[in-house]
Amino acid sequence: MVYPQNYIAKSRNALLPTRSPGMLERRAKSLVQVFLSRVSSINDVENTLVNLLSDYTMKELDVVTLSPSLTQTIIKVSNEYHHQSSFASLLFLSPPAQSAWSVLFPLVHRYFCYIEDEKQMLTEGCRIELFLSKV
């Protein structure tokens, strides 16, 4: 699992989401579309995905740097996609574009939900990291 253990329980207990689930779904679809347009080989997958998720996260949290733990989470999402899509490709189960929608889209959507649910804590972590980098 990519996300902290308390994420599932916390998200189930949320009474009023600050954003509609449809908005996060549209953003996840958009990111997958951009990802597909930028990736031309298997070597591009991890860097492209990490860069896209990092850019989205910094914009969403309105920060200029990411905390090490958040960077690690982004790398875990990328590694999980790479692992699942590589395995499917090796077995000729799905072409790359299909695995982007069947594997990457759910991972990105869950990641976006995580960012939304934990926005305050994640923003504080990034701001602390910025402060520490200036000291």
Protein backbone atom coordinates (compact mmCIF):
# COMPACT_ATOMS: atom_id res chain seq x y z
CA MET A 1 0.00 0.00 0.00
CA VAL A 2 1.27 3.43 -0.92
CA TYR A 3 -0.50 5.53 1.67
CA PRO A 4 -0.22 5.76 5.45
CA GLN A 5 -2.31 3.22 7.37
CA ASN A 6 -4.65 5.81 8.86
CA TYR A 7 -5.58 7.20 5.43
CA ILE A 8 -8.32 4.65 4.71
CA ALA A 9 -9.98 5.01 8.09
CA LYS A 10 -9.68 8.78 8.05
CA SER A 11 -11.19 9.14 4.58
CA ARG A 12 -14.15 6.92 5.48
CA ASN A 13 -14.92 9.09 8.49
CA ALA A 14 -14.87 12.36 6.57
CA LEU A 15 -18.27 14.03 6.79
CA LEU A 16 -17.95 16.87 4.32
CA PRO A 17 -15.36 16.63 1.58
CA THR A 18 -13.95 20.01 0.55
CA ARG A 19 -14.04 19.01 -3.13
CA SER A 20 -16.36 16.89 -5.14
CA PRO A 21 -15.02 13.42 -5.98
CA GLY A 22 -15.76 14.22 -9.62
CA MET A 23 -13.25 17.06 -9.60
CA LEU A 24 -10.46 14.82 -8.34
CA GLU A 25 -11.43 12.18 -10.89
CA ARG A 26 -11.26 14.75 -13.73
CA ARG A 27 -7.84 15.90 -12.51
CA ALA A 28 -6.60 12.30 -12.38
CA LYS A 29 -7.86 11.69 -15.93
CA SER A 30 -6.14 14.85 -17.09
CA LEU A 31 -2.84 13.81 -15.52
CA VAL A 32 -3.03 10.38 -17.16
CA GLN A 33 -3.68 12.02 -20.54
CA VAL A 34 -0.66 14.31 -20.12
CA PHE A 35 1.40 11.34 -18.96
CA LEU A 36 0.47 9.35 -22.08
CA SER A 37 1.31 12.29 -24.34
CA ARG A 38 4.77 12.71 -22.77
CA VAL A 39 5.94 9.11 -22.39
CA SER A 40 7.61 7.73 -25.47
CA SER A 41 9.55 4.81 -23.97
CA ILE A 42 9.69 2.68 -20.85
CA ASN A 43 12.71 4.73 -19.73
CA ASP A 44 10.54 7.88 -19.52
CA VAL A 45 7.86 6.41 -17.28
CA GLU A 46 9.24 6.98 -13.79
CA ASN A 47 10.75 10.44 -14.33
CA THR A 48 7.69 11.69 -16.17
CA LEU A 49 5.28 10.43 -13.55
CA VAL A 50 7.35 11.73 -10.62
CA ASN A 51 7.61 15.15 -12.29
CA LEU A 52 3.88 15.33 -13.05
CA LEU A 53 2.86 14.28 -9.54
CA SER A 54 5.39 16.63 -7.97
CA ASP A 55 4.17 19.59 -10.04
CA TYR A 56 0.53 18.82 -9.24
CA THR A 57 1.30 18.45 -5.53
CA MET A 58 3.25 21.70 -5.27
CA LYS A 59 0.46 23.60 -7.04
CA GLU A 60 -2.26 21.97 -4.97
CA LEU A 61 -0.48 22.63 -1.67
CA ASP A 62 0.82 26.03 -2.82
CA VAL A 63 4.40 25.25 -1.79
CA VAL A 64 7.77 25.62 -3.51
CA THR A 65 9.37 22.45 -2.18
CA LEU A 66 8.16 19.03 -1.11
CA SER A 67 8.92 17.32 2.17
CA PRO A 68 11.05 14.17 2.00
CA SER A 69 8.11 12.02 3.12
CA LEU A 70 5.86 13.42 0.41
CA THR A 71 8.58 12.98 -2.21
CA GLN A 72 8.92 9.38 -1.03
CA THR A 73 5.16 8.86 -1.39
CA ILE A 74 5.29 10.17 -4.97
CA ILE A 75 8.16 7.80 -5.75
CA LYS A 76 6.18 4.91 -4.25
CA VAL A 77 3.20 5.71 -6.51
CA SER A 78 5.54 5.79 -9.51
CA ASN A 79 7.23 2.53 -8.51
CA GLU A 80 3.88 0.83 -7.95
CA TYR A 81 2.68 1.85 -11.41
CA HIS A 82 5.96 0.80 -13.01
CA HIS A 83 5.86 -2.57 -11.25
CA GLN A 84 2.23 -3.32 -12.13
CA SER A 85 2.42 -2.09 -15.71
CA SER A 86 5.76 -3.79 -16.42
CA PHE A 87 4.44 -7.11 -15.14
CA ALA A 88 1.31 -6.82 -17.28
CA SER A 89 3.36 -5.85 -20.34
CA LEU A 90 5.73 -8.76 -19.88
CA LEU A 91 2.81 -11.14 -19.88
CA PHE A 92 1.31 -9.34 -22.90
CA LEU A 93 -1.83 -8.75 -20.87
CA SER A 94 -2.26 -5.12 -21.78
CA PRO A 95 -0.72 -2.44 -23.99
CA PRO A 96 0.88 0.59 -22.29
CA ALA A 97 -2.08 2.94 -22.88
CA GLN A 98 -4.52 0.43 -21.41
CA SER A 99 -2.36 -0.09 -18.33
CA ALA A 100 -2.20 3.67 -17.87
CA TRP A 101 -5.97 3.73 -17.51
CA SER A 102 -6.41 0.47 -15.62
CA VAL A 103 -3.42 0.83 -13.29
CA LEU A 104 -2.21 4.44 -13.25
CA PHE A 105 -5.58 6.18 -13.11
CA PRO A 106 -6.68 4.47 -9.86
CA LEU A 107 -3.26 5.10 -8.28
CA VAL A 108 -3.33 8.78 -9.22
CA HIS A 109 -6.92 9.19 -8.10
CA ARG A 110 -6.15 7.67 -4.69
CA TYR A 111 -3.07 9.87 -4.43
CA PHE A 112 -5.13 12.99 -5.21
CA CYS A 113 -7.68 11.96 -2.55
CA TYR A 114 -4.80 11.52 -0.10
CA ILE A 115 -3.49 15.02 -0.92
CA GLU A 116 -6.96 16.46 -0.46
CA ASP A 117 -7.64 14.67 2.83
CA GLU A 118 -4.23 15.43 4.35
CA LYS A 119 -3.71 18.87 2.80
CA GLN A 120 -3.03 20.79 6.00
CA MET A 121 -0.55 18.28 7.42
CA LEU A 122 1.26 17.88 4.09
CA THR A 123 1.47 21.65 3.57
CA GLU A 124 2.97 22.11 7.02
CA GLY A 125 5.54 19.41 6.31
CA CYS A 126 6.57 21.11 3.08
CA ARG A 127 6.84 24.50 4.76
CA ILE A 128 8.98 23.03 7.53
CA GLU A 129 11.23 21.50 4.88
CA LEU A 130 11.58 24.90 3.17
CA PHE A 131 12.40 26.54 6.51
CA LEU A 132 15.02 23.90 7.31
CA SER A 133 16.61 24.23 3.89
CA LYS A 134 17.14 27.95 4.49
CA VAL A 135 18.77 27.52 7.90
